[in-house]
Amino acid sequence: MRNIRFRHLLATGTAAIALATVLAACGGPSSQNEVGGDPVFGGTLNFYDPIEYAAWTPVNSIWSNSQVANNLAERLTWQDPETGEIKPWLATSWEVSPDKLKYTFRLREGVTFSNGDPLDAAVVKANYDQHALGDKALGIPPDRFFSDYRASTVIDPLTVEVAFTKPNAGFLQVASFYRAGSILAKPFLERDLNGQSQAKNWIGSGPFVVESVTGNTGIILKRREDYNWAPAGSGHQGKAYLERVVFKTVPEAGTRVGALQSGEAHIARNISPYDEETVTANGGRIEAFAVQGQTNKLSVQLDSTTPVVDKQVRLALQAATDRKEINETVLSPSYPIPNSILVKDTPNRGDASKYLGYDLNKANSLLEGADWKKGGDGIRVKDGKRLQFEVWVAPFYQVSQPVLELLQSQWKKAGVDLVIHTVSQTEYESIRNSRPDNWSLVQGQTSRAEADVLRTAFDSTAQNEFFAPVPDATLDELVRAQAFEFDPAARTKAIQAVEDRVFGEGYAIPLYDETQVFGLAPTVHGFTTESTARTWLYDTWITG
């Protein structure tokens, strides 16, 4: 059994004091403490990513795209990834009405988009209306994160009121979210879906702008020289340190690691567990950031024609899953072992430990009780059919295949045959959209550092992640109830009720807490991310 050593950064001395200043406003760990001296302006940072860049719409959550987009578009609020606290950004202050149905934001003066247009209440209203309601004429669908949105109203040029039909305890976090909360200039909003899907058309207020795009394999950002409205308490104010950032698709893990070692790349995303020691042994650094929101899991598809529709079978699969072995064998300490439907440190998360223990005897007993009998090859059979499930390797997660292969061997001990398919990203998207009958288990997670992500994912009128032909009315009621609860203690209790329902019914099988693992060259300093591990390069600089 292979155990991989994880090296984390520890701040000390005066560097730790400087780091604390950054964390107080922006949250997020930073490698700024790795070197003494003042930050350096200038230079081009090369960022290697394994996934192609496609469809640059603001609501696109593809990992590669969002590492870039987070540096182009900004939000009204900033969420500290360490504490979950919501802090000012493009909005300097806000008020919530006594009935919890209205949020009134006061905007920061002097902010402009990269085309020179000013940030004002009218453009915030236009963004939120388009996010929440979509635009049929432009082919833009509504964003599922804007639940119960009614309208936005311009109070004066720098004050906007956002109203809902029902209380929304998580909306301040939506206003900080890299995709749902992004504010872009009016000329961008007037483009149709195809126009908004092209990075060259983005007009944001962020510290960088698009300089050039190379198909789906690369994009170059250049510094905006007049930028001067970073979140309060950032490592500095004014323009970004870096002059340019070159994002490039490099699918091969070994090539990305080799580029770090040679100095060709400064940052590489998705460092595999077996490459972590290689990076650190050659002078580089590993930084792992929790992706707050849902844990990485298998979601059952209740509209399938497979035995996953049987609750006893689902509970057996849960009991046959050994997450500790997954962590110690094919992952590393960078990936926490899940004990909740939400990733560690996600605000208000519950505790599902009692549902997630490994118990092979329980798995076998449940399957025997459901009349699944082991055949000659050890795989269970019922009514002439094998207890078999098919799963597709999700190309967005660097550890998907080894995790599924180990899971395959674990489930085989209980008499379950897990068939694994590996396809290209394009083929995977096509299969996911077509939803074949054998699409019974889907690996994934939805990232948002707010427990209301559970409503987005599980509500039958929203994402409907489990695809139940008949909605689970109890689950619908629970995920909605937590969204209306503003008292922290009562909300935590309401979220625990969601966890109890999801795991009591066996709807989801957690695998590991989703984590983004970056390899950094020793010349990189001040690197951090926002609350769902999307790169924020404003305070990053390079030396040498």
Protein backbone atom coordinates (compact mmCIF):
# COMPACT_ATOMS: atom_id res chain seq x y z
CA MET A 1 0.00 0.00 0.00
CA ARG A 2 1.53 3.26 -1.12
CA ASN A 3 1.42 6.27 1.18
CA ILE A 4 2.41 9.59 -0.34
CA ARG A 5 4.07 12.27 1.77
CA PHE A 6 2.34 15.65 1.58
CA ARG A 7 4.33 18.82 2.02
CA HIS A 8 2.38 21.88 3.13
CA LEU A 9 3.65 25.42 3.50
CA LEU A 10 4.13 26.80 7.00
CA ALA A 11 4.42 30.52 7.53
CA THR A 12 7.00 31.74 10.03
CA GLY A 13 8.42 35.00 11.34
CA THR A 14 7.72 38.28 9.61
CA ALA A 15 6.59 36.46 6.49
CA ALA A 16 3.77 34.91 8.51
CA ILE A 17 2.65 38.39 9.57
CA ALA A 18 2.56 39.51 5.95
CA LEU A 19 0.63 36.38 5.02
CA ALA A 20 -1.91 36.97 7.76
CA THR A 21 -2.64 40.39 6.27
CA VAL A 22 -3.46 38.75 2.94
CA LEU A 23 -5.59 36.05 4.52
CA ALA A 24 -7.59 38.58 6.50
CA ALA A 25 -9.08 39.97 3.31
CA CYS A 26 -8.75 37.44 0.55
CA GLY A 27 -8.57 34.24 2.54
CA GLY A 28 -6.77 31.44 0.83
CA PRO A 29 -3.36 30.00 1.59
CA SER A 30 -0.47 31.74 -0.11
CA SER A 31 3.10 30.85 -0.95
CA GLN A 32 4.08 34.46 -0.43
CA ASN A 33 5.98 33.41 2.68
CA GLU A 34 8.43 31.31 0.69
CA VAL A 35 10.82 34.16 0.01
CA GLY A 36 11.94 37.31 1.79
CA GLY A 37 12.07 40.71 0.15
CA ASP A 38 9.52 42.75 -1.68
CA PRO A 39 7.20 41.49 -4.42
CA VAL A 40 8.45 41.96 -7.96
CA PHE A 41 6.46 43.62 -10.74
CA GLY A 42 6.66 42.21 -14.26
CA GLY A 43 7.26 38.88 -15.93
CA THR A 44 5.18 36.24 -17.68
CA LEU A 45 3.82 33.29 -15.72
CA ASN A 46 3.25 30.02 -17.58
CA PHE A 47 0.32 27.98 -16.27
CA TYR A 48 -0.15 24.41 -17.55
CA ASP A 49 -3.58 22.76 -17.31
CA PRO A 50 -4.62 19.24 -18.41
CA ILE A 51 -8.08 20.18 -19.75
CA GLU A 52 -8.93 22.12 -22.91
CA TYR A 53 -10.64 25.51 -22.72
CA ALA A 54 -14.11 25.57 -24.25
CA ALA A 55 -17.32 27.65 -24.09
CA TRP A 56 -16.31 30.77 -22.16
CA THR A 57 -19.77 31.61 -20.84
CA PRO A 58 -19.77 33.09 -17.31
CA VAL A 59 -21.66 30.06 -15.95
CA ASN A 60 -19.20 27.53 -17.41
CA SER A 61 -17.68 25.60 -14.51
CA ILE A 62 -15.09 23.56 -16.44
CA TRP A 63 -12.02 23.56 -14.22
CA SER A 64 -9.62 24.85 -16.86
CA ASN A 65 -11.84 27.76 -17.90
CA SER A 66 -12.60 28.86 -14.36
CA GLN A 67 -8.90 29.12 -13.47
CA VAL A 68 -8.73 31.83 -16.13
CA ALA A 69 -12.14 33.51 -15.82
CA ASN A 70 -11.70 34.16 -12.11
CA ASN A 71 -9.02 36.71 -13.05
CA LEU A 72 -11.18 38.51 -15.62
CA ALA A 73 -14.56 39.07 -13.95
CA GLU A 74 -15.24 40.28 -10.42
CA ARG A 75 -18.12 40.08 -7.96
CA LEU A 76 -19.92 42.29 -5.46
CA THR A 77 -18.56 40.31 -2.51
CA TRP A 78 -15.50 38.20 -1.65
CA GLN A 79 -15.65 35.02 0.43
CA ASP A 80 -12.72 34.24 2.69
CA PRO A 81 -11.94 30.58 1.91
CA GLU A 82 -10.51 30.02 5.38
CA THR A 83 -13.42 31.35 7.44
CA GLY A 84 -16.33 31.50 5.00
CA GLU A 85 -16.82 35.15 5.93
CA ILE A 86 -18.32 37.39 3.25
CA LYS A 87 -16.35 40.63 2.69
CA PRO A 88 -16.69 43.74 0.49
CA TRP A 89 -15.39 43.86 -3.06
CA LEU A 90 -17.26 45.72 -5.81
CA ALA A 91 -19.88 46.44 -3.17
CA THR A 92 -18.65 48.38 -0.15
CA SER A 93 -21.64 47.47 2.04
CA TRP A 94 -25.05 45.79 2.02
CA GLU A 95 -28.24 45.48 4.03
CA VAL A 96 -30.75 42.65 4.32
CA SER A 97 -34.41 43.56 4.77
CA PRO A 98 -36.22 42.40 7.94
CA ASP A 99 -38.28 39.90 5.90
CA LYS A 100 -35.04 38.51 4.35
CA LEU A 101 -36.40 39.04 0.83
CA LYS A 102 -34.25 41.99 -0.26
CA TYR A 103 -30.53 42.70 -0.37
CA THR A 104 -29.45 46.30 -0.97
CA PHE A 105 -25.86 46.82 -2.14
CA ARG A 106 -23.85 50.06 -2.18
CA LEU A 107 -21.30 49.92 -5.00
CA ARG A 108 -17.69 51.01 -4.95
CA GLU A 109 -16.95 54.29 -6.74
CA GLY A 110 -14.41 54.56 -9.52
CA VAL A 111 -14.57 50.97 -10.80
CA THR A 112 -14.47 50.58 -14.59
CA PHE A 113 -14.60 47.71 -17.02
CA SER A 114 -11.75 47.05 -19.40
CA ASN A 115 -13.57 48.98 -22.17
CA GLY A 116 -13.80 52.06 -19.93
CA ASP A 117 -17.47 51.73 -18.99
CA PRO A 118 -18.18 52.48 -15.32
CA LEU A 119 -19.56 49.96 -12.88
CA ASP A 120 -23.01 51.14 -11.80
CA ALA A 121 -26.28 49.80 -10.44
CA ALA A 122 -27.79 49.44 -13.91
CA VAL A 123 -25.11 47.05 -15.13
CA VAL A 124 -25.33 45.00 -11.92
CA LYS A 125 -29.10 44.71 -12.46
CA ALA A 126 -28.55 43.66 -16.09
CA ASN A 127 -26.08 40.96 -15.01
CA TYR A 128 -28.28 39.55 -12.28
CA ASP A 129 -31.39 39.61 -14.46
CA GLN A 130 -29.57 37.69 -17.18
CA HIS A 131 -28.03 35.23 -14.73
CA ALA A 132 -31.29 34.53 -12.94
CA LEU A 133 -33.84 34.72 -15.75
CA GLY A 134 -31.80 33.90 -18.84
CA ASP A 135 -32.56 35.49 -22.18
CA LYS A 136 -34.46 33.38 -24.70
CA ALA A 137 -33.83 35.80 -27.55
CA LEU A 138 -30.07 35.46 -27.01
CA GLY A 139 -30.22 31.72 -26.31
CA ILE A 140 -28.99 32.16 -22.73
CA PRO A 141 -30.50 29.78 -20.14
CA PRO A 142 -31.14 30.75 -16.51
CA ASP A 143 -28.41 30.05 -13.96
CA ARG A 144 -29.53 27.40 -11.47
CA PHE A 145 -27.76 29.17 -8.58
CA PHE A 146 -30.26 32.06 -8.62
CA SER A 147 -33.14 30.36 -6.79
CA ASP A 148 -36.37 32.29 -6.15
CA TYR A 149 -35.06 35.47 -7.80
CA ARG A 150 -37.70 38.13 -8.42
CA ALA A 151 -35.93 41.22 -9.76
CA SER A 152 -33.21 43.79 -9.25
CA THR A 153 -34.01 47.48 -8.93
CA VAL A 154 -31.76 50.50 -9.45
CA ILE A 155 -32.14 52.76 -6.41
CA ASP A 156 -29.53 55.28 -7.54
CA PRO A 157 -26.41 55.06 -9.75
CA LEU A 158 -24.41 53.28 -7.03
CA THR A 159 -27.19 51.42 -5.16
CA VAL A 160 -28.98 48.29 -6.34
CA GLU A 161 -31.68 46.23 -4.62
CA VAL A 162 -31.92 42.49 -5.30
CA ALA A 163 -35.28 40.92 -4.41
CA PHE A 164 -36.42 37.31 -3.99
CA THR A 165 -39.80 35.62 -3.70
CA LYS A 166 -38.55 33.54 -0.76
CA PRO A 167 -35.74 34.06 1.79
CA ASN A 168 -32.32 33.10 0.46
CA ALA A 169 -29.80 32.60 3.27
CA GLY A 170 -26.98 31.85 0.85
CA PHE A 171 -27.30 34.77 -1.54
CA LEU A 172 -24.35 36.81 -0.24
CA GLN A 173 -22.22 33.82 -1.12
CA VAL A 174 -23.78 33.64 -4.60
CA ALA A 175 -22.74 37.29 -5.00
CA SER A 176 -19.15 36.18 -4.31
CA PHE A 177 -19.19 33.09 -6.52
CA TYR A 178 -16.77 33.02 -9.44
CA ARG A 179 -19.50 32.10 -11.95
CA ALA A 180 -22.96 33.06 -10.68
CA GLY A 181 -21.85 36.38 -9.22
CA SER A 182 -19.63 37.59 -12.06
CA ILE A 183 -20.32 41.14 -13.26
CA LEU A 184 -19.51 41.90 -16.91
CA ALA A 185 -19.97 45.01 -19.05
CA LYS A 186 -23.18 45.73 -20.94
CA PRO A 187 -21.74 45.12 -24.47
CA PHE A 188 -20.89 41.58 -23.38
CA LEU A 189 -24.40 40.98 -22.00
CA GLU A 190 -25.90 42.06 -25.32
CA ARG A 191 -24.17 39.22 -27.17
CA ASP A 192 -25.92 35.91 -27.85
CA LEU A 193 -24.77 32.62 -26.31
CA ASN A 194 -22.22 32.06 -29.09
CA GLY A 195 -20.76 35.53 -28.58
CA GLN A 196 -20.58 35.07 -24.82
CA SER A 197 -18.81 31.74 -25.37
CA GLN A 198 -15.75 33.45 -26.85
CA ALA A 199 -13.10 34.63 -24.42
CA LYS A 200 -12.07 37.51 -26.68
CA ASN A 201 -15.47 39.11 -26.04
CA TRP A 202 -15.18 39.19 -22.25
CA ILE A 203 -15.27 42.70 -20.78
CA GLY A 204 -14.69 42.47 -17.06
CA SER A 205 -13.37 44.69 -14.29
CA GLY A 206 -10.66 42.25 -13.17
CA PRO A 207 -6.89 42.77 -12.91
CA PHE A 208 -6.27 41.01 -16.24
CA VAL A 209 -7.75 41.16 -19.74
CA VAL A 210 -7.64 38.74 -22.67
CA GLU A 211 -4.73 39.39 -25.01
CA SER A 212 -5.06 36.41 -27.35
CA VAL A 213 -6.71 33.00 -27.67
CA THR A 214 -5.36 29.86 -29.36
CA GLY A 215 -8.34 27.65 -30.16
CA ASN A 216 -9.21 25.44 -27.20
CA THR A 217 -5.62 24.93 -26.11
CA GLY A 218 -4.39 28.28 -24.90
CA ILE A 219 -5.17 31.81 -23.78
CA ILE A 220 -2.93 34.72 -22.81
CA LEU A 221 -3.94 37.37 -20.29
CA LYS A 222 -2.24 40.72 -19.92
CA ARG A 223 -2.22 43.01 -16.93
CA ARG A 224 -4.66 45.86 -16.72
CA GLU A 225 -2.48 48.87 -15.90
CA ASP A 226 -5.23 51.02 -14.36
CA TYR A 227 -6.65 48.38 -12.04
CA ASN A 228 -7.04 49.62 -8.46
CA TRP A 229 -9.98 47.95 -6.64
CA ALA A 230 -8.85 44.59 -5.28
CA PRO A 231 -10.77 43.16 -2.32
CA ALA A 232 -10.05 45.22 0.80
CA GLY A 233 -6.96 43.95 2.61
CA SER A 234 -5.38 42.20 -0.37
CA GLY A 235 -1.62 41.81 -0.39
CA HIS A 236 -1.44 45.09 -2.27
CA GLN A 237 -3.55 47.61 -4.18
CA GLY A 238 -3.06 48.89 -7.71
CA LYS A 239 -2.12 46.80 -10.72
CA ALA A 240 -1.25 43.10 -10.54
CA TYR A 241 2.39 42.11 -10.17
CA LEU A 242 2.46 39.83 -13.21
CA GLU A 243 2.57 41.45 -16.63
CA ARG A 244 1.21 38.42 -18.46
CA VAL A 245 -0.15 34.96 -17.82
CA VAL A 246 0.02 32.21 -20.45
CA PHE A 247 -2.50 29.40 -19.91
CA LYS A 248 -1.78 26.29 -21.96
CA THR A 249 -3.42 22.87 -22.29
CA VAL A 250 -0.91 20.09 -21.56
CA PRO A 251 -2.81 16.80 -21.06
CA GLU A 252 0.16 14.58 -20.19
CA ALA A 253 0.88 14.54 -16.44
CA GLY A 254 4.54 13.72 -16.95
CA THR A 255 4.98 16.64 -19.34
CA ARG A 256 3.49 19.08 -16.84
CA VAL A 257 5.76 17.84 -14.07
CA GLY A 258 8.78 17.92 -16.35
CA ALA A 259 7.96 21.48 -17.36
CA LEU A 260 7.96 22.51 -13.69
CA GLN A 261 11.35 20.90 -13.20
CA SER A 262 12.89 22.55 -16.27
CA GLY A 263 11.47 25.97 -15.48
CA GLU A 264 9.30 25.99 -18.61
CA ALA A 265 6.15 26.10 -16.46
CA HIS A 266 5.65 28.08 -13.27
CA ILE A 267 2.38 26.45 -12.16
CA ALA A 268 0.83 23.13 -13.17
CA ARG A 269 -2.68 22.13 -12.11
CA ASN A 270 -3.83 18.59 -11.30
CA ILE A 271 -0.60 17.12 -10.01
CA SER A 272 -1.24 13.40 -9.55
CA PRO A 273 -0.69 11.89 -6.10
CA TYR A 274 2.22 9.81 -7.41
CA ASP A 275 3.88 12.97 -8.76
CA GLU A 276 3.67 15.05 -5.57
CA GLU A 277 6.98 13.79 -4.20
CA THR A 278 8.62 14.21 -7.60
CA VAL A 279 7.70 17.88 -7.61
CA THR A 280 8.92 18.54 -4.06
CA ALA A 281 12.09 16.44 -4.45
CA ASN A 282 13.20 18.72 -7.26
CA GLY A 283 12.72 21.98 -5.38
CA GLY A 284 9.11 22.65 -6.33
CA ARG A 285 6.16 23.01 -4.00
CA ILE A 286 2.80 21.33 -3.72
CA GLU A 287 -0.19 23.40 -2.67
CA ALA A 288 -3.56 21.71 -2.19
CA PHE A 289 -6.79 23.68 -1.90
CA ALA A 290 -10.09 22.20 -0.74
CA VAL A 291 -12.89 22.68 -3.25
CA GLN A 292 -15.64 23.69 -0.88
CA GLY A 293 -19.07 22.42 -1.79
CA GLN A 294 -20.08 18.85 -2.57
CA THR A 295 -17.61 16.05 -1.96
CA ASN A 296 -16.50 14.03 -4.99
CA LYS A 297 -18.99 11.19 -5.17
CA LEU A 298 -20.97 8.76 -7.25
CA SER A 299 -24.57 9.91 -7.63
CA VAL A 300 -27.12 7.19 -8.32
CA GLN A 301 -29.37 7.74 -11.32
CA LEU A 302 -32.81 6.64 -10.23
CA ASP A 303 -34.23 6.70 -13.76
CA SER A 304 -31.90 3.90 -14.87
CA THR A 305 -32.96 0.31 -15.60
CA THR A 306 -30.21 -1.17 -13.39
CA PRO A 307 -30.45 -2.55 -9.81
CA VAL A 308 -29.32 0.83 -8.45
CA VAL A 309 -33.02 1.65 -8.15
CA ASP A 310 -33.16 -0.84 -5.24
CA LYS A 311 -32.48 0.93 -1.92
CA GLN A 312 -30.95 -2.21 -0.37
CA VAL A 313 -28.48 -2.44 -3.23
CA ARG A 314 -27.56 1.24 -2.88
CA LEU A 315 -26.92 0.85 0.84
CA ALA A 316 -24.82 -2.23 0.13
CA LEU A 317 -22.64 -0.31 -2.35
CA GLN A 318 -22.14 2.36 0.33
CA ALA A 319 -21.03 -0.23 2.88
CA ALA A 320 -18.70 -1.92 0.38
CA THR A 321 -16.79 1.34 -0.25
CA ASP A 322 -13.57 1.67 1.78
CA ARG A 323 -12.63 5.37 1.63
CA LYS A 324 -9.64 4.98 3.94
CA GLU A 325 -8.12 2.43 1.56
CA ILE A 326 -8.82 4.74 -1.39
CA ASN A 327 -6.99 7.58 0.38
CA GLU A 328 -3.99 5.50 1.43
CA THR A 329 -3.59 3.51 -1.78
CA VAL A 330 -4.23 5.78 -4.76
CA LEU A 331 -4.51 9.28 -3.28
CA SER A 332 -2.49 11.26 -0.72
CA PRO A 333 -3.12 13.35 2.39
CA SER A 334 -3.96 16.20 0.00
CA TYR A 335 -7.40 14.59 -0.28
CA PRO A 336 -9.36 14.38 3.01
CA ILE A 337 -11.44 11.26 3.62
CA PRO A 338 -15.09 12.37 3.34
CA ASN A 339 -17.44 12.20 6.33
CA SER A 340 -20.16 14.44 4.90
CA ILE A 341 -21.88 15.26 1.62
CA LEU A 342 -19.94 18.54 1.85
CA VAL A 343 -16.18 19.02 1.69
CA LYS A 344 -14.27 19.74 4.87
CA ASP A 345 -14.52 23.41 5.98
CA THR A 346 -17.61 24.13 3.87
CA PRO A 347 -19.74 26.35 6.16
CA ASN A 348 -22.56 24.60 8.08
CA ARG A 349 -21.63 21.10 6.88
CA GLY A 350 -23.15 18.13 8.65
CA ASP A 351 -21.65 14.83 9.80
CA ALA A 352 -22.43 11.62 7.93
CA SER A 353 -19.76 9.45 9.56
CA LYS A 354 -22.30 6.89 10.76
CA TYR A 355 -23.36 6.22 7.17
CA LEU A 356 -19.93 6.04 5.56
CA GLY A 357 -18.04 3.36 7.47
CA TYR A 358 -16.62 0.39 5.55
CA ASP A 359 -18.53 -2.80 6.44
CA LEU A 360 -18.19 -5.69 4.00
CA ASN A 361 -20.32 -7.99 6.17
CA LYS A 362 -23.15 -5.47 6.07
CA ALA A 363 -22.85 -5.16 2.28
CA ASN A 364 -23.03 -8.93 1.84
CA SER A 365 -25.97 -9.21 4.25
CA LEU A 366 -27.95 -6.49 2.45
CA LEU A 367 -27.39 -8.11 -0.93
CA GLU A 368 -28.29 -11.58 0.35
CA GLY A 369 -31.44 -10.10 1.86
CA ALA A 370 -32.33 -8.61 -1.52
CA ASP A 371 -31.95 -12.13 -3.03
CA TRP A 372 -28.73 -11.45 -4.92
CA LYS A 373 -26.76 -14.73 -4.82
CA LYS A 374 -23.09 -15.18 -5.69
CA GLY A 375 -22.40 -17.08 -8.89
CA GLY A 376 -19.45 -19.24 -9.81
CA ASP A 377 -17.26 -16.25 -10.64
CA GLY A 378 -18.13 -14.50 -7.37
CA ILE A 379 -20.48 -11.96 -8.97
CA ARG A 380 -24.04 -11.98 -7.66
CA VAL A 381 -26.97 -12.97 -9.83
CA LYS A 382 -30.73 -12.48 -9.54
CA ASP A 383 -33.39 -13.58 -12.03
CA GLY A 384 -30.61 -14.50 -14.45
CA LYS A 385 -29.02 -11.04 -14.39
CA ARG A 386 -25.60 -10.16 -13.00
CA LEU A 387 -25.21 -7.45 -10.37
CA GLN A 388 -23.31 -5.19 -12.71
CA PHE A 389 -22.94 -1.42 -12.99
CA GLU A 390 -21.17 0.65 -15.61
CA VAL A 391 -19.34 3.88 -14.90
CA TRP A 392 -17.45 6.34 -17.07
CA VAL A 393 -14.18 7.92 -15.96
CA ALA A 394 -14.83 11.65 -15.48
CA PRO A 395 -12.03 13.42 -17.41
CA PHE A 396 -12.29 16.53 -15.21
CA TYR A 397 -10.85 14.80 -12.13
CA GLN A 398 -7.17 13.84 -12.21
CA VAL A 399 -7.64 10.88 -9.87
CA SER A 400 -10.89 9.52 -11.29
CA GLN A 401 -9.52 6.40 -12.99
CA PRO A 402 -7.32 5.03 -10.18
CA VAL A 403 -10.07 5.70 -7.63
CA LEU A 404 -12.65 3.85 -9.73
CA GLU A 405 -10.27 0.96 -10.38
CA LEU A 406 -9.72 0.48 -6.65
CA LEU A 407 -13.47 0.80 -6.05
CA GLN A 408 -13.96 -1.92 -8.65
CA SER A 409 -11.82 -4.32 -6.61
CA GLN A 410 -13.59 -3.34 -3.36
CA TRP A 411 -17.06 -3.96 -4.74
CA LYS A 412 -16.00 -7.26 -6.28
CA LYS A 413 -15.48 -8.57 -2.72
CA ALA A 414 -19.21 -8.04 -2.20
CA GLY A 415 -20.09 -9.72 -5.47
CA VAL A 416 -20.63 -6.54 -7.48
CA ASP A 417 -19.17 -6.09 -10.97
CA LEU A 418 -18.20 -2.48 -11.74
CA VAL A 419 -17.39 -2.00 -15.43
CA ILE A 420 -15.24 1.07 -16.11
CA HIS A 421 -15.22 2.96 -19.42
CA THR A 422 -12.52 5.46 -20.38
CA VAL A 423 -13.39 7.88 -23.17
CA SER A 424 -12.31 11.30 -24.41
CA GLN A 425 -13.73 14.48 -22.95
CA THR A 426 -15.89 15.01 -26.04
CA GLU A 427 -17.23 11.45 -25.92
CA TYR A 428 -17.90 11.76 -22.19
CA GLU A 429 -19.95 14.93 -22.69
CA SER A 430 -21.94 13.25 -25.47
CA ILE A 431 -22.71 10.21 -23.32
CA ARG A 432 -23.68 12.38 -20.37
CA ASN A 433 -26.08 14.40 -22.52
CA SER A 434 -27.66 11.32 -24.09
CA ARG A 435 -28.15 9.58 -20.70
CA PRO A 436 -28.23 5.91 -21.80
CA ASP A 437 -30.17 3.33 -19.72
CA ASN A 438 -26.96 1.96 -18.20
CA TRP A 439 -25.96 5.45 -16.97
CA SER A 440 -26.61 4.44 -13.36
CA LEU A 441 -23.66 5.91 -11.43
CA VAL A 442 -22.15 9.32 -12.26
CA GLN A 443 -19.00 10.71 -10.69
CA GLY A 444 -19.07 14.42 -9.95
CA GLN A 445 -19.43 17.28 -7.51
CA THR A 446 -20.80 20.80 -7.57
CA SER A 447 -18.52 23.39 -6.03
CA ARG A 448 -19.81 26.34 -4.06
CA ALA A 449 -18.62 27.23 -0.56
CA GLU A 450 -22.15 27.35 0.81
CA ALA A 451 -24.44 24.54 1.95
CA ASP A 452 -27.21 25.80 -0.34
CA VAL A 453 -25.30 23.97 -3.08
CA LEU A 454 -27.35 20.98 -1.90
CA ARG A 455 -30.57 22.69 -3.01
CA THR A 456 -29.04 23.48 -6.38
CA ALA A 457 -27.96 19.87 -6.85
CA PHE A 458 -30.77 17.85 -5.31
CA ASP A 459 -33.99 19.85 -5.67
CA SER A 460 -36.14 18.12 -8.29
CA THR A 461 -36.94 21.51 -9.84
CA ALA A 462 -33.25 22.47 -10.10
CA GLN A 463 -30.35 20.25 -11.15
CA ASN A 464 -32.20 17.10 -9.97
CA GLU A 465 -28.92 15.23 -9.65
CA PHE A 466 -30.47 11.84 -8.83
CA PHE A 467 -32.98 11.95 -11.72
CA ALA A 468 -35.78 10.37 -9.70
CA PRO A 469 -38.77 9.71 -12.03
CA VAL A 470 -40.98 10.58 -9.06
CA PRO A 471 -39.50 13.42 -6.99
CA ASP A 472 -38.50 12.64 -3.41
CA ALA A 473 -40.88 15.10 -1.74
CA THR A 474 -39.10 14.76 1.60
CA LEU A 475 -35.71 15.64 0.12
CA ASP A 476 -37.21 18.57 -1.79
CA GLU A 477 -38.72 19.91 1.42
CA LEU A 478 -35.46 19.56 3.34
CA VAL A 479 -33.17 21.22 0.79
CA ARG A 480 -35.57 24.13 0.49
CA ALA A 481 -36.03 24.53 4.24
CA GLN A 482 -32.32 25.07 4.92
CA ALA A 483 -32.25 27.89 2.36
CA PHE A 484 -34.92 29.83 4.26
CA GLU A 485 -33.17 29.55 7.65
CA PHE A 486 -30.93 32.47 8.67
CA ASP A 487 -30.19 31.38 12.26
CA PRO A 488 -26.77 29.60 12.09
CA ALA A 489 -27.56 26.88 14.62
CA ALA A 490 -30.97 26.12 13.13
CA ARG A 491 -29.48 26.10 9.64
CA THR A 492 -26.77 23.61 10.60
CA LYS A 493 -29.50 21.35 12.00
CA ALA A 494 -31.51 21.70 8.78
CA ILE A 495 -28.48 20.78 6.67
CA GLN A 496 -27.86 17.71 8.84
CA ALA A 497 -31.39 16.61 8.01
CA VAL A 498 -30.50 16.79 4.31
CA GLU A 499 -27.46 14.59 4.91
CA ASP A 500 -29.53 12.08 6.85
CA ARG A 501 -32.03 11.82 4.01
CA VAL A 502 -29.42 11.51 1.23
CA PHE A 503 -27.39 8.82 2.99
CA GLY A 504 -30.34 7.09 4.62
CA GLU A 505 -31.69 6.48 1.11
CA GLY A 506 -28.27 5.66 -0.35
CA TYR A 507 -28.50 8.32 -3.04
CA ALA A 508 -24.80 9.25 -3.04
CA ILE A 509 -21.53 7.39 -2.49
CA PRO A 510 -18.70 9.76 -1.45
CA LEU A 511 -15.22 8.85 -2.72
CA TYR A 512 -12.92 11.67 -1.55
CA ASP A 513 -13.09 15.35 -0.71
CA GLU A 514 -12.54 17.24 -3.95
CA THR A 515 -9.19 19.04 -3.93
CA GLN A 516 -7.19 21.01 -6.45
CA VAL A 517 -3.49 20.16 -6.28
CA PHE A 518 -1.06 22.62 -7.86
CA GLY A 519 2.64 22.21 -8.48
CA LEU A 520 4.60 25.46 -8.13
CA ALA A 521 8.10 26.26 -9.29
CA PRO A 522 10.33 27.77 -6.57
CA THR A 523 10.17 31.11 -8.39
CA VAL A 524 6.42 31.51 -7.74
CA HIS A 525 5.21 33.51 -4.74
CA GLY A 526 1.90 34.86 -3.46
CA PHE A 527 -0.20 32.19 -5.19
CA THR A 528 -3.72 31.64 -3.87
CA THR A 529 -7.28 30.74 -4.90
CA GLU A 530 -10.83 31.78 -4.10
CA SER A 531 -13.12 29.62 -1.94
CA THR A 532 -13.66 26.87 -4.53
CA ALA A 533 -9.99 26.61 -5.53
CA ARG A 534 -10.11 28.76 -8.66
CA THR A 535 -6.81 30.54 -9.24
CA TRP A 536 -6.51 34.20 -8.14
CA LEU A 537 -3.27 35.62 -9.56
CA TYR A 538 -3.55 39.25 -8.49
CA ASP A 539 -1.05 38.90 -5.62
CA THR A 540 1.19 36.37 -7.41
CA TRP A 541 4.69 37.29 -8.54
CA ILE A 542 7.73 35.47 -9.93
CA THR A 543 11.44 35.84 -9.36
CA GLY A 544 14.46 34.63 -11.23
